[in-house]
PDB file of N, CA and C in Angstrom:
ATOM      1  N   UNK A   1     132.719 254.529-101.454  1.00  0.00           N
ATOM      2  CA  UNK A   1     132.563 256.068-100.407  1.00  0.00           C
ATOM      3  C   UNK A   1     131.446 257.246-101.589  1.00  0.00           C
ATOM      4  N   UNK A   2     130.466 257.827-100.932  1.00  0.00           N
ATOM      5  CA  UNK A   2     130.244 258.767-101.887  1.00  0.00           C
ATOM      6  C   UNK A   2     131.499 259.970-101.078  1.00  0.00           C
ATOM      7  N   UNK A   3     131.236 261.346-102.180  1.00  0.00           N
ATOM      8  CA  UNK A   3     132.421 262.542-102.108  1.00  0.00           C
ATOM      9  C   UNK A   3     130.928 263.881-101.477  1.00  0.00           C
ATOM     10  N   UNK A   4     131.255 264.577-101.207  1.00  0.00           N
ATOM     11  CA  UNK A   4     130.375 266.174-101.130  1.00  0.00           C
ATOM     12  C   UNK A   4     131.166 267.173-102.027  1.00  0.00           C
ATOM     13  N   UNK A   5     130.383 267.426-103.223  1.00  0.00           N
ATOM     14  CA  UNK A   5     131.379 268.111-104.019  1.00  0.00           C
ATOM     15  C   UNK A   5     130.673 269.664-104.480  1.00  0.00           C
ATOM     16  N   UNK A   6     131.393 270.903-104.723  1.00  0.00           N
ATOM     17  CA  UNK A   6     130.899 272.014-105.214  1.00  0.00           C
ATOM     18  C   UNK A   6     131.653 272.324-106.141  1.00  0.00           C
ATOM     19  N   UNK A   7     131.575 273.003-106.968  1.00  0.00           N
ATOM     20  CA  UNK A   7     131.799 273.504-108.225  1.00  0.00           C
ATOM     21  C   UNK A   7     132.819 272.717-108.419  1.00  0.00           C
ATOM     22  N   UNK A   8     133.338 271.363-108.472  1.00  0.00           N
ATOM     23  CA  UNK A   8     134.478 270.692-109.072  1.00  0.00           C
ATOM     24  C   UNK A   8     135.240 270.120-107.403  1.00  0.00           C
ATOM     25  N   UNK A   9     134.825 270.656-106.038  1.00  0.00           N
ATOM     26  CA  UNK A   9     135.828 270.645-105.288  1.00  0.00           C
ATOM     27  C   UNK A   9     135.238 269.895-104.323  1.00  0.00           C
ATOM     28  N   UNK A  10     136.423 269.276-103.430  1.00  0.00           N
ATOM     29  CA  UNK A  10     136.051 267.876-103.192  1.00  0.00           C
ATOM     30  C   UNK A  10     135.558 268.422-101.609  1.00  0.00           C
ATOM     31  N   UNK A  11     134.949 268.623-101.103  1.00  0.00           N
ATOM     32  CA  UNK A  11     134.682 269.217 -99.107  1.00  0.00           C
ATOM     33  C   UNK A  11     134.365 268.328 -98.437  1.00  0.00           C
ATOM     34  N   UNK A  12     134.098 267.204 -98.742  1.00  0.00           N
ATOM     35  CA  UNK A  12     134.620 266.196 -97.812  1.00  0.00           C
ATOM     36  C   UNK A  12     133.555 264.598 -98.102  1.00  0.00           C
ATOM     37  N   UNK A  13     133.682 263.577 -97.345  1.00  0.00           N
ATOM     38  CA  UNK A  13     133.275 262.456 -97.867  1.00  0.00           C
ATOM     39  C   UNK A  13     132.152 262.599 -96.904  1.00  0.00           C
ATOM     40  N   UNK A  14     131.065 261.734 -97.483  1.00  0.00           N
ATOM     41  CA  UNK A  14     129.436 261.702 -96.778  1.00  0.00           C
ATOM     42  C   UNK A  14     128.506 260.081 -97.105  1.00  0.00           C
ATOM     43  N   UNK A  15     128.871 260.268 -96.108  1.00  0.00           N
ATOM     44  CA  UNK A  15     127.832 258.835 -95.853  1.00  0.00           C
ATOM     45  C   UNK A  15     126.026 258.866 -96.286  1.00  0.00           C
ATOM     46  N   UNK A  16     125.561 258.030 -97.404  1.00  0.00           N
ATOM     47  CA  UNK A  16     124.372 258.422 -97.387  1.00  0.00           C
ATOM     48  C   UNK A  16     123.253 256.987 -96.111  1.00  0.00           C
ATOM     49  N   UNK A  17     122.395 257.987 -95.821  1.00  0.00           N
ATOM     50  CA  UNK A  17     120.893 256.795 -95.266  1.00  0.00           C
ATOM     51  C   UNK A  17     119.820 257.532 -96.077  1.00  0.00           C
ATOM     52  N   UNK A  18     119.786 256.145 -96.685  1.00  0.00           N
ATOM     53  CA  UNK A  18     118.513 256.708 -97.382  1.00  0.00           C
ATOM     54  C   UNK A  18     117.821 254.771 -96.965  1.00  0.00           C
ATOM     55  N   UNK A  19     117.816 254.001 -96.022  1.00  0.00           N
ATOM     56  CA  UNK A  19     116.772 253.265 -95.906  1.00  0.00           C
ATOM     57  C   UNK A  19     116.410 254.061 -94.508  1.00  0.00           C
ATOM     58  N   UNK A  20     115.078 253.694 -94.365  1.00  0.00           N
ATOM     59  CA  UNK A  20     114.105 254.053 -92.899  1.00  0.00           C
ATOM     60  C   UNK A  20     114.707 253.954 -91.650  1.00  0.00           C
ATOM     61  N   UNK A  21     115.926 252.748 -91.701  1.00  0.00           N
ATOM     62  CA  UNK A  21     116.691 252.700 -90.822  1.00  0.00           C
ATOM     63  C   UNK A  21     117.899 253.266 -90.478  1.00  0.00           C
ATOM     64  N   UNK A  22     117.960 253.506 -91.513  1.00  0.00           N
ATOM     65  CA  UNK A  22     119.765 254.859 -92.206  1.00  0.00           C
ATOM     66  C   UNK A  22     118.926 255.161 -91.276  1.00  0.00           C
ATOM     67  N   UNK A  23     118.207 256.713 -92.048  1.00  0.00           N
ATOM     68  CA  UNK A  23     117.685 258.392 -91.216  1.00  0.00           C
ATOM     69  C   UNK A  23     117.401 257.523 -89.630  1.00  0.00           C
ATOM     70  N   UNK A  24     116.688 256.699 -89.268  1.00  0.00           N
ATOM     71  CA  UNK A  24     116.409 257.049 -87.607  1.00  0.00           C
ATOM     72  C   UNK A  24     117.337 256.738 -86.626  1.00  0.00           C
ATOM     73  N   UNK A  25     118.659 255.661 -87.507  1.00  0.00           N
ATOM     74  CA  UNK A  25     119.883 255.766 -86.579  1.00  0.00           C
ATOM     75  C   UNK A  25     120.306 257.205 -86.566  1.00  0.00           C
ATOM     76  N   UNK A  26     120.604 257.751 -87.880  1.00  0.00           N
ATOM     77  CA  UNK A  26     121.642 258.874 -88.079  1.00  0.00           C
ATOM     78  C   UNK A  26     122.875 258.941 -87.152  1.00  0.00           C
ATOM     79  N   UNK A  27     123.273 260.107 -86.898  1.00  0.00           N
ATOM     80  CA  UNK A  27     124.337 260.313 -85.929  1.00  0.00           C
ATOM     81  C   UNK A  27     124.267 259.501 -84.226  1.00  0.00           C
ATOM     82  N   UNK A  28     123.336 259.309 -84.377  1.00  0.00           N
ATOM     83  CA  UNK A  28     122.832 258.422 -83.165  1.00  0.00           C
ATOM     84  C   UNK A  28     123.703 257.670 -82.352  1.00  0.00           C
ATOM     85  N   UNK A  29     124.410 257.855 -81.058  1.00  0.00           N
ATOM     86  CA  UNK A  29     124.949 256.689 -80.656  1.00  0.00           C
ATOM     87  C   UNK A  29     126.885 256.552 -80.873  1.00  0.00           C
ATOM     88  N   UNK A  30     127.196 258.081 -81.729  1.00  0.00           N
ATOM     89  CA  UNK A  30     128.344 258.534 -82.002  1.00  0.00           C
ATOM     90  C   UNK A  30     128.823 259.524 -81.516  1.00  0.00           C
ATOM     91  N   UNK A  31     129.886 259.509 -80.670  1.00  0.00           N
ATOM     92  CA  UNK A  31     130.916 260.699 -80.131  1.00  0.00           C
ATOM     93  C   UNK A  31     131.445 262.074 -82.119  1.00  0.00           C
ATOM     94  N   UNK A  32     131.015 261.723 -82.637  1.00  0.00           N
ATOM     95  CA  UNK A  32     131.520 262.742 -84.007  1.00  0.00           C
ATOM     96  C   UNK A  32     131.752 262.038 -85.494  1.00  0.00           C
ATOM     97  N   UNK A  33     131.613 262.509 -86.509  1.00  0.00           N
ATOM     98  CA  UNK A  33     131.740 262.048 -87.875  1.00  0.00           C
ATOM     99  C   UNK A  33     132.829 262.916 -88.421  1.00  0.00           C
ATOM    100  N   UNK A  34     133.260 262.252 -89.175  1.00  0.00           N
ATOM    101  CA  UNK A  34     134.222 262.687 -89.944  1.00  0.00           C
ATOM    102  C   UNK A  34     133.430 263.176 -91.257  1.00  0.00           C
ATOM    103  N   UNK A  35     133.364 263.858 -91.975  1.00  0.00           N
ATOM    104  CA  UNK A  35     132.759 264.436 -92.776  1.00  0.00           C
ATOM    105  C   UNK A  35     131.050 264.827 -92.816  1.00  0.00           C
ATOM    106  N   UNK A  36     130.396 264.402 -93.780  1.00  0.00           N
ATOM    107  CA  UNK A  36     128.903 264.662 -93.306  1.00  0.00           C
ATOM    108  C   UNK A  36     128.180 263.204 -93.477  1.00  0.00           C
ATOM    109  N   UNK A  37     126.927 263.021 -93.086  1.00  0.00           N
ATOM    110  CA  UNK A  37     125.893 262.557 -93.422  1.00  0.00           C
ATOM    111  C   UNK A  37     125.008 262.979 -93.895  1.00  0.00           C
ATOM    112  N   UNK A  38     124.332 262.357 -95.046  1.00  0.00           N
ATOM    113  CA  UNK A  38     122.846 262.658 -96.286  1.00  0.00           C
ATOM    114  C   UNK A  38     122.072 261.927 -95.552  1.00  0.00           C
ATOM    115  N   UNK A  39     120.504 262.202 -95.116  1.00  0.00           N
ATOM    116  CA  UNK A  39     119.410 261.897 -94.972  1.00  0.00           C
ATOM    117  C   UNK A  39     118.685 262.074 -96.048  1.00  0.00           C
ATOM    118  N   UNK A  40     118.127 261.096 -96.539  1.00  0.00           N
ATOM    119  CA  UNK A  40     117.773 261.002 -97.816  1.00  0.00           C
ATOM    120  C   UNK A  40     116.764 260.101 -97.730  1.00  0.00           C
ATOM    121  N   UNK A  41     115.145 260.655 -98.076  1.00  0.00           N
ATOM    122  CA  UNK A  41     114.352 261.788 -97.962  1.00  0.00           C
ATOM    123  C   UNK A  41     114.147 262.052 -96.831  1.00  0.00           C
ATOM    124  N   UNK A  42     114.786 263.150 -96.387  1.00  0.00           N
ATOM    125  CA  UNK A  42     114.021 263.989 -95.074  1.00  0.00           C
ATOM    126  C   UNK A  42     113.691 265.743 -95.567  1.00  0.00           C
ATOM    127  N   UNK A  43     113.177 265.687 -94.177  1.00  0.00           N
ATOM    128  CA  UNK A  43     112.555 266.737 -94.397  1.00  0.00           C
ATOM    129  C   UNK A  43     113.390 268.253 -93.114  1.00  0.00           C
ATOM    130  N   UNK A  44     113.280 267.224 -92.328  1.00  0.00           N
ATOM    131  CA  UNK A  44     113.756 268.104 -90.635  1.00  0.00           C
ATOM    132  C   UNK A  44     114.358 266.919 -89.540  1.00  0.00           C
ATOM    133  N   UNK A  45     114.865 266.968 -89.398  1.00  0.00           N
ATOM    134  CA  UNK A  45     115.943 266.311 -87.989  1.00  0.00           C
ATOM    135  C   UNK A  45     115.674 266.777 -86.227  1.00  0.00           C
ATOM    136  N   UNK A  46     116.370 265.520 -85.862  1.00  0.00           N
ATOM    137  CA  UNK A  46     116.610 266.200 -84.494  1.00  0.00           C
ATOM    138  C   UNK A  46     117.674 265.952 -83.484  1.00  0.00           C
ATOM    139  N   UNK A  47     118.114 266.369 -82.659  1.00  0.00           N
ATOM    140  CA  UNK A  47     119.430 266.184 -82.304  1.00  0.00           C
ATOM    141  C   UNK A  47     118.611 265.181 -81.055  1.00  0.00           C
ATOM    142  N   UNK A  48     118.056 265.008 -80.203  1.00  0.00           N
ATOM    143  CA  UNK A  48     117.783 263.950 -79.025  1.00  0.00           C
ATOM    144  C   UNK A  48     118.908 263.505 -79.033  1.00  0.00           C
ATOM    145  N   UNK A  49     118.981 262.909 -78.168  1.00  0.00           N
ATOM    146  CA  UNK A  49     120.106 262.045 -77.243  1.00  0.00           C
ATOM    147  C   UNK A  49     121.520 262.024 -77.901  1.00  0.00           C
ATOM    148  N   UNK A  50     121.528 262.785 -78.993  1.00  0.00           N
ATOM    149  CA  UNK A  50     122.860 262.674 -79.903  1.00  0.00           C
ATOM    150  C   UNK A  50     123.722 263.535 -78.573  1.00  0.00           C
ATOM    151  N   UNK A  51     125.002 263.619 -79.440  1.00  0.00           N
ATOM    152  CA  UNK A  51     126.344 263.571 -77.903  1.00  0.00           C
ATOM    153  C   UNK A  51     126.925 265.055 -78.210  1.00  0.00           C
ATOM    154  N   UNK A  52     126.818 265.221 -79.155  1.00  0.00           N
ATOM    155  CA  UNK A  52     127.571 266.827 -80.152  1.00  0.00           C
ATOM    156  C   UNK A  52     126.374 267.663 -81.029  1.00  0.00           C
ATOM    157  N   UNK A  53     126.788 269.027 -81.109  1.00  0.00           N
ATOM    158  CA  UNK A  53     125.875 269.596 -81.364  1.00  0.00           C
ATOM    159  C   UNK A  53     126.713 269.671 -82.888  1.00  0.00           C
ATOM    160  N   UNK A  54     125.406 269.815 -84.051  1.00  0.00           N
ATOM    161  CA  UNK A  54     125.515 269.584 -85.331  1.00  0.00           C
ATOM    162  C   UNK A  54     125.510 270.888 -86.365  1.00  0.00           C
ATOM    163  N   UNK A  55     126.042 271.278 -87.660  1.00  0.00           N
ATOM    164  CA  UNK A  55     125.381 271.354 -88.734  1.00  0.00           C
ATOM    165  C   UNK A  55     124.691 270.655 -89.436  1.00  0.00           C
ATOM    166  N   UNK A  56     123.258 271.748 -90.097  1.00  0.00           N
ATOM    167  CA  UNK A  56     122.173 271.091 -90.127  1.00  0.00           C
ATOM    168  C   UNK A  56     122.058 271.590 -91.792  1.00  0.00           C
ATOM    169  N   UNK A  57     122.136 271.280 -93.087  1.00  0.00           N
ATOM    170  CA  UNK A  57     121.933 271.842 -94.555  1.00  0.00           C
ATOM    171  C   UNK A  57     120.603 271.148 -94.833  1.00  0.00           C
ATOM    172  N   UNK A  58     119.123 272.095 -94.598  1.00  0.00           N
ATOM    173  CA  UNK A  58     117.857 271.169 -95.293  1.00  0.00           C
ATOM    174  C   UNK A  58     118.536 271.917 -96.901  1.00  0.00           C
ATOM    175  N   UNK A  59     117.867 270.422 -97.958  1.00  0.00           N
ATOM    176  CA  UNK A  59     118.040 270.351 -99.110  1.00  0.00           C
ATOM    177  C   UNK A  59     116.979 270.280 -99.966  1.00  0.00           C
ATOM    178  N   UNK A  60     116.699 271.398-101.793  1.00  0.00           N
ATOM    179  CA  UNK A  60     115.887 270.252-102.954  1.00  0.00           C
ATOM    180  C   UNK A  60     116.561 269.210-103.282  1.00  0.00           C
ATOM    181  N   UNK A  61     116.190 268.326-103.472  1.00  0.00           N
ATOM    182  CA  UNK A  61     116.993 267.506-104.755  1.00  0.00           C
ATOM    183  C   UNK A  61     116.227 267.815-105.879  1.00  0.00           C
ATOM    184  N   UNK A  62     117.446 267.460-106.800  1.00  0.00           N
ATOM    185  CA  UNK A  62     117.436 266.703-108.816  1.00  0.00           C
ATOM    186  C   UNK A  62     118.586 266.120-109.059  1.00  0.00           C
ATOM    187  N   UNK A  63     118.112 264.802-108.685  1.00  0.00           N
ATOM    188  CA  UNK A  63     119.309 263.858-108.877  1.00  0.00           C
ATOM    189  C   UNK A  63     120.483 263.691-108.333  1.00  0.00           C
ATOM    190  N   UNK A  64     121.341 263.897-108.435  1.00  0.00           N
ATOM    191  CA  UNK A  64     122.714 264.040-107.273  1.00  0.00           C
ATOM    192  C   UNK A  64     123.034 265.551-106.915  1.00  0.00           C
ATOM    193  N   UNK A  65     121.834 266.472-106.617  1.00  0.00           N
ATOM    194  CA  UNK A  65     122.297 268.094-106.785  1.00  0.00           C
ATOM    195  C   UNK A  65     121.734 268.047-105.635  1.00  0.00           C
ATOM    196  N   UNK A  66     121.964 268.570-104.216  1.00  0.00           N
ATOM    197  CA  UNK A  66     121.611 268.961-103.112  1.00  0.00           C
ATOM    198  C   UNK A  66     121.522 270.898-103.210  1.00  0.00           C
ATOM    199  N   UNK A  67     120.742 271.599-103.634  1.00  0.00           N
ATOM    200  CA  UNK A  67     120.249 273.185-103.234  1.00  0.00           C
ATOM    201  C   UNK A  67     119.765 273.224-101.924  1.00  0.00           C
ATOM    202  N   UNK A  68     121.088 273.906-101.704  1.00  0.00           N
ATOM    203  CA  UNK A  68     120.702 274.615 -99.898  1.00  0.00           C
ATOM    204  C   UNK A  68     119.870 275.412 -99.674  1.00  0.00           C
ATOM    205  N   UNK A  69     118.568 275.394 -98.986  1.00  0.00           N
ATOM    206  CA  UNK A  69     117.647 276.694 -99.012  1.00  0.00           C
ATOM    207  C   UNK A  69     117.779 276.763 -96.855  1.00  0.00           C
ATOM    208  N   UNK A  70     118.422 275.918 -95.886  1.00  0.00           N
ATOM    209  CA  UNK A  70     118.679 277.041 -95.155  1.00  0.00           C
ATOM    210  C   UNK A  70     120.251 276.061 -93.828  1.00  0.00           C
ATOM    211  N   UNK A  71     120.512 276.478 -93.580  1.00  0.00           N
ATOM    212  CA  UNK A  71     122.331 276.280 -92.844  1.00  0.00           C
ATOM    213  C   UNK A  71     121.483 276.449 -91.504  1.00  0.00           C
ATOM    214  N   UNK A  72     121.782 275.095 -90.532  1.00  0.00           N
ATOM    215  CA  UNK A  72     121.811 275.858 -88.724  1.00  0.00           C
ATOM    216  C   UNK A  72     122.429 275.071 -88.033  1.00  0.00           C
ATOM    217  N   UNK A  73     122.920 275.296 -86.705  1.00  0.00           N
ATOM    218  CA  UNK A  73     123.434 274.589 -86.069  1.00  0.00           C
ATOM    219  C   UNK A  73     122.796 274.450 -85.265  1.00  0.00           C
ATOM    220  N   UNK A  74     122.261 273.093 -84.649  1.00  0.00           N
ATOM    221  CA  UNK A  74     121.857 272.083 -83.503  1.00  0.00           C
ATOM    222  C   UNK A  74     122.223 271.810 -82.497  1.00  0.00           C
ATOM    223  N   UNK A  75     122.053 272.880 -81.399  1.00  0.00           N
ATOM    224  CA  UNK A  75     123.520 271.980 -79.999  1.00  0.00           C
ATOM    225  C   UNK A  75     122.368 270.720 -79.449  1.00  0.00           C
ATOM    226  N   UNK A  76     122.432 269.280 -78.780  1.00  0.00           N
ATOM    227  CA  UNK A  76     122.103 268.133 -78.432  1.00  0.00           C
ATOM    228  C   UNK A  76     120.601 268.856 -77.901  1.00  0.00           C
ATOM    229  N   UNK A  77     119.743 267.873 -77.925  1.00  0.00           N
ATOM    230  CA  UNK A  77     118.345 267.454 -77.210  1.00  0.00           C
ATOM    231  C   UNK A  77     117.379 268.845 -77.626  1.00  0.00           C
ATOM    232  N   UNK A  78     117.724 269.219 -79.736  1.00  0.00           N
ATOM    233  CA  UNK A  78     116.670 269.821 -80.015  1.00  0.00           C
ATOM    234  C   UNK A  78     115.205 268.918 -81.276  1.00  0.00           C
ATOM    235  N   UNK A  79     114.588 269.883 -81.077  1.00  0.00           N
ATOM    236  CA  UNK A  79     113.972 269.435 -82.429  1.00  0.00           C
ATOM    237  C   UNK A  79     113.612 270.111 -83.077  1.00  0.00           C
ATOM    238  N   UNK A  80     114.336 269.539 -84.981  1.00  0.00           N
ATOM    239  CA  UNK A  80     114.216 271.275 -85.824  1.00  0.00           C
ATOM    240  C   UNK A  80     112.708 270.843 -86.471  1.00  0.00           C
ATOM    241  N   UNK A  81     112.796 272.140 -87.029  1.00  0.00           N
ATOM    242  CA  UNK A  81     111.216 272.300 -87.460  1.00  0.00           C
ATOM    243  C   UNK A  81     111.552 271.761 -89.035  1.00  0.00           C
ATOM    244  N   UNK A  82     110.702 271.436 -89.308  1.00  0.00           N
ATOM    245  CA  UNK A  82     110.282 270.952 -91.053  1.00  0.00           C
ATOM    246  C   UNK A  82     111.132 272.054 -91.793  1.00  0.00           C
ATOM    247  N   UNK A  83     111.443 271.402 -93.126  1.00  0.00           N
ATOM    248  CA  UNK A  83     110.785 272.211 -94.402  1.00  0.00           C
ATOM    249  C   UNK A  83     111.387 271.741 -95.429  1.00  0.00           C
ATOM    250  N   UNK A  84     109.809 272.488 -96.086  1.00  0.00           N
ATOM    251  CA  UNK A  84     109.050 271.563 -96.962  1.00  0.00           C
ATOM    252  C   UNK A  84     108.915 270.889 -97.776  1.00  0.00           C
ATOM    253  N   UNK A  85     110.324 272.117 -98.105  1.00  0.00           N
ATOM    254  CA  UNK A  85     110.868 272.096-100.435  1.00  0.00           C
ATOM    255  C   UNK A  85     111.763 270.656 -99.621  1.00  0.00           C
ATOM    256  N   UNK A  86     112.272 270.715 -98.703  1.00  0.00           N
ATOM    257  CA  UNK A  86     113.608 269.960 -98.838  1.00  0.00           C
ATOM    258  C   UNK A  86     113.801 268.222 -99.167  1.00  0.00           C
ATOM    259  N   UNK A  87     114.594 267.919 -99.595  1.00  0.00           N
ATOM    260  CA  UNK A  87     114.219 266.130-100.198  1.00  0.00           C
ATOM    261  C   UNK A  87     114.943 266.209 -99.325  1.00  0.00           C
ATOM    262  N   UNK A  88     115.763 266.767 -98.572  1.00  0.00           N
ATOM    263  CA  UNK A  88     117.227 265.942 -97.647  1.00  0.00           C
ATOM    264  C   UNK A  88     117.880 266.567 -97.191  1.00  0.00           C
ATOM    265  N   UNK A  89     118.845 265.964 -96.230  1.00  0.00           N
ATOM    266  CA  UNK A  89     119.268 267.337 -95.021  1.00  0.00           C
ATOM    267  C   UNK A  89     120.464 266.177 -94.544  1.00  0.00           C
ATOM    268  N   UNK A  90     121.725 267.300 -94.776  1.00  0.00           N
ATOM    269  CA  UNK A  90     122.946 267.049 -94.827  1.00  0.00           C
ATOM    270  C   UNK A  90     123.534 267.273 -93.077  1.00  0.00           C
ATOM    271  N   UNK A  91     124.037 266.212 -92.656  1.00  0.00           N
ATOM    272  CA  UNK A  91     124.708 266.903 -91.173  1.00  0.00           C
ATOM    273  C   UNK A  91     125.896 266.716 -90.959  1.00  0.00           C
ATOM    274  N   UNK A  92     126.884 267.475 -90.151  1.00  0.00           N
ATOM    275  CA  UNK A  92     127.587 267.694 -90.259  1.00  0.00           C
ATOM    276  C   UNK A  92     128.166 268.240 -88.782  1.00  0.00           C
ATOM    277  N   UNK A  93     129.329 267.630 -88.225  1.00  0.00           N
ATOM    278  CA  UNK A  93     130.032 268.754 -87.317  1.00  0.00           C
ATOM    279  C   UNK A  93     129.708 270.238 -86.802  1.00  0.00           C
ATOM    280  N   UNK A  94     129.640 270.388 -85.638  1.00  0.00           N
ATOM    281  CA  UNK A  94     129.350 271.667 -86.011  1.00  0.00           C
ATOM    282  C   UNK A  94     130.619 272.493 -86.063  1.00  0.00           C
ATOM    283  N   UNK A  95     130.205 273.179 -87.613  1.00  0.00           N
ATOM    284  CA  UNK A  95     131.451 274.127 -88.041  1.00  0.00           C
ATOM    285  C   UNK A  95     131.994 273.829 -88.543  1.00  0.00           C
ATOM    286  N   UNK A  96     131.580 272.355 -88.838  1.00  0.00           N
ATOM    287  CA  UNK A  96     131.847 272.091 -90.822  1.00  0.00           C
ATOM    288  C   UNK A  96     131.817 272.657 -91.790  1.00  0.00           C
ATOM    289  N   UNK A  97     130.322 272.795 -92.074  1.00  0.00           N
ATOM    290  CA  UNK A  97     129.411 273.423 -92.697  1.00  0.00           C
ATOM    291  C   UNK A  97     130.228 274.974 -92.881  1.00  0.00           C
ATOM    292  N   UNK A  98     130.630 275.750 -91.757  1.00  0.00           N
ATOM    293  CA  UNK A  98     130.967 276.635 -92.593  1.00  0.00           C
ATOM    294  C   UNK A  98     132.346 276.782 -93.123  1.00  0.00           C
ATOM    295  N   UNK A  99     133.214 276.233 -92.139  1.00  0.00           N
ATOM    296  CA  UNK A  99     134.553 276.101 -92.953  1.00  0.00           C
ATOM    297  C   UNK A  99     135.175 275.415 -94.448  1.00  0.00           C
ATOM    298  N   UNK A 100     134.305 274.843 -95.020  1.00  0.00           N
ATOM    299  CA  UNK A 100     133.362 274.117 -95.897  1.00  0.00           C
ATOM    300  C   UNK A 100     133.067 275.354 -96.412  1.00  0.00           C
ATOM    301  N   UNK A 101     132.710 276.332 -96.128  1.00  0.00           N
ATOM    302  CA  UNK A 101     131.785 277.222 -96.714  1.00  0.00           C
ATOM    303  C   UNK A 101     130.769 277.258 -97.385  1.00  0.00           C
ATOM    304  N   UNK A 102     130.111 275.957 -97.147  1.00  0.00           N
ATOM    305  CA  UNK A 102     128.637 275.748 -97.546  1.00  0.00           C
ATOM    306  C   UNK A 102     127.553 277.188 -96.894  1.00  0.00           C
ATOM    307  N   UNK A 103     126.948 277.556 -98.046  1.00  0.00           N
ATOM    308  CA  UNK A 103     125.859 278.226 -97.309  1.00  0.00           C
ATOM    309  C   UNK A 103     124.329 278.279 -97.858  1.00  0.00           C
ATOM    310  N   UNK A 104     123.568 279.139 -98.069  1.00  0.00           N
ATOM    311  CA  UNK A 104     122.278 279.186 -98.661  1.00  0.00           C
ATOM    312  C   UNK A 104     122.603 278.940 -99.879  1.00  0.00           C
ATOM    313  N   UNK A 105     121.901 278.402-100.938  1.00  0.00           N
ATOM    314  CA  UNK A 105     122.057 279.214-102.281  1.00  0.00           C
ATOM    315  C   UNK A 105     122.985 278.164-103.115  1.00  0.00           C
ATOM    316  N   UNK A 106     123.919 277.577-102.570  1.00  0.00           N
ATOM    317  CA  UNK A 106     124.887 276.913-103.100  1.00  0.00           C
ATOM    318  C   UNK A 106     124.072 275.626-103.393  1.00  0.00           C
ATOM    319  N   UNK A 107     125.289 275.255-104.621  1.00  0.00           N
ATOM    320  CA  UNK A 107     124.729 273.625-104.879  1.00  0.00           C
ATOM    321  C   UNK A 107     125.362 272.570-104.996  1.00  0.00           C
ATOM    322  N   UNK A 108     125.112 271.490-104.344  1.00  0.00           N
ATOM    323  CA  UNK A 108     126.457 270.407-103.717  1.00  0.00           C
ATOM    324  C   UNK A 108     125.752 269.329-104.877  1.00  0.00           C
ATOM    325  N   UNK A 109     127.068 268.410-105.023  1.00  0.00           N
ATOM    326  CA  UNK A 109     127.031 267.584-105.855  1.00  0.00           C
ATOM    327  C   UNK A 109     127.280 265.011-104.845  1.00  0.00           C
ATOM    328  N   UNK A 110     126.682 264.857-105.138  1.00  0.00           N
ATOM    329  CA  UNK A 110     126.938 263.959-104.795  1.00  0.00           C
ATOM    330  C   UNK A 110     128.278 262.899-105.240  1.00  0.00           C
ATOM    331  N   UNK A 111     129.074 262.491-105.322  1.00  0.00           N
ATOM    332  CA  UNK A 111     129.482 261.840-106.573  1.00  0.00           C
ATOM    333  C   UNK A 111     130.659 260.615-105.626  1.00  0.00           C
ATOM    334  N   UNK A 112     129.510 259.414-106.167  1.00  0.00           N
ATOM    335  CA  UNK A 112     130.191 257.931-105.206  1.00  0.00           C
ATOM    336  C   UNK A 112     131.976 258.018-105.672  1.00  0.00           C
ATOM    337  N   UNK A 113     132.660 258.685-106.325  1.00  0.00           N
ATOM    338  CA  UNK A 113     133.520 258.393-106.243  1.00  0.00           C
ATOM    339  C   UNK A 113     134.337 259.723-107.346  1.00  0.00           C
ATOM    340  N   UNK A 114     135.620 259.963-107.107  1.00  0.00           N
ATOM    341  CA  UNK A 114     136.145 260.682-107.597  1.00  0.00           C
ATOM    342  C   UNK A 114     136.920 260.967-108.616  1.00  0.00           C
ATOM    343  N   UNK A 115     136.915 261.245-109.689  1.00  0.00           N
ATOM    344  CA  UNK A 115     137.939 260.461-111.268  1.00  0.00           C
ATOM    345  C   UNK A 115     138.897 261.373-110.788  1.00  0.00           C
ATOM    346  N   UNK A 116     140.839 260.421-111.105  1.00  0.00           N
ATOM    347  CA  UNK A 116     141.518 261.117-110.990  1.00  0.00           C
ATOM    348  C   UNK A 116     141.540 261.592-112.419  1.00  0.00           C
ATOM    349  N   UNK A 117     142.629 263.191-112.454  1.00  0.00           N
ATOM    350  CA  UNK A 117     142.929 263.508-113.129  1.00  0.00           C
ATOM    351  C   UNK A 117     144.687 263.700-113.716  1.00  0.00           C
TER     352      UNK A 117
END
């Protein structure tokens, strides 16, 4: 399990979709998601055929660090415009990014495991 982290604060579990098949499937067929799904590489997403609204964060990629370029909420049945500087897209249930305080300019890390302290 991977984790989405900002400034050493664990925000949520994150699933990684790094294969073409996993990116194509995305959140289709699901009724919701706990945490987030990271599509990498990706510049845009759609919600055609989705059962629920999602928050989307387009991110520039530098290693395992993601710089949030744009945040939006998409209702089902929409096609998002590509963000050409993005190398990844983070998807979560609508309202989740706001709850986690994620906004444009944030730097997020994807960590494969959380170290105990």
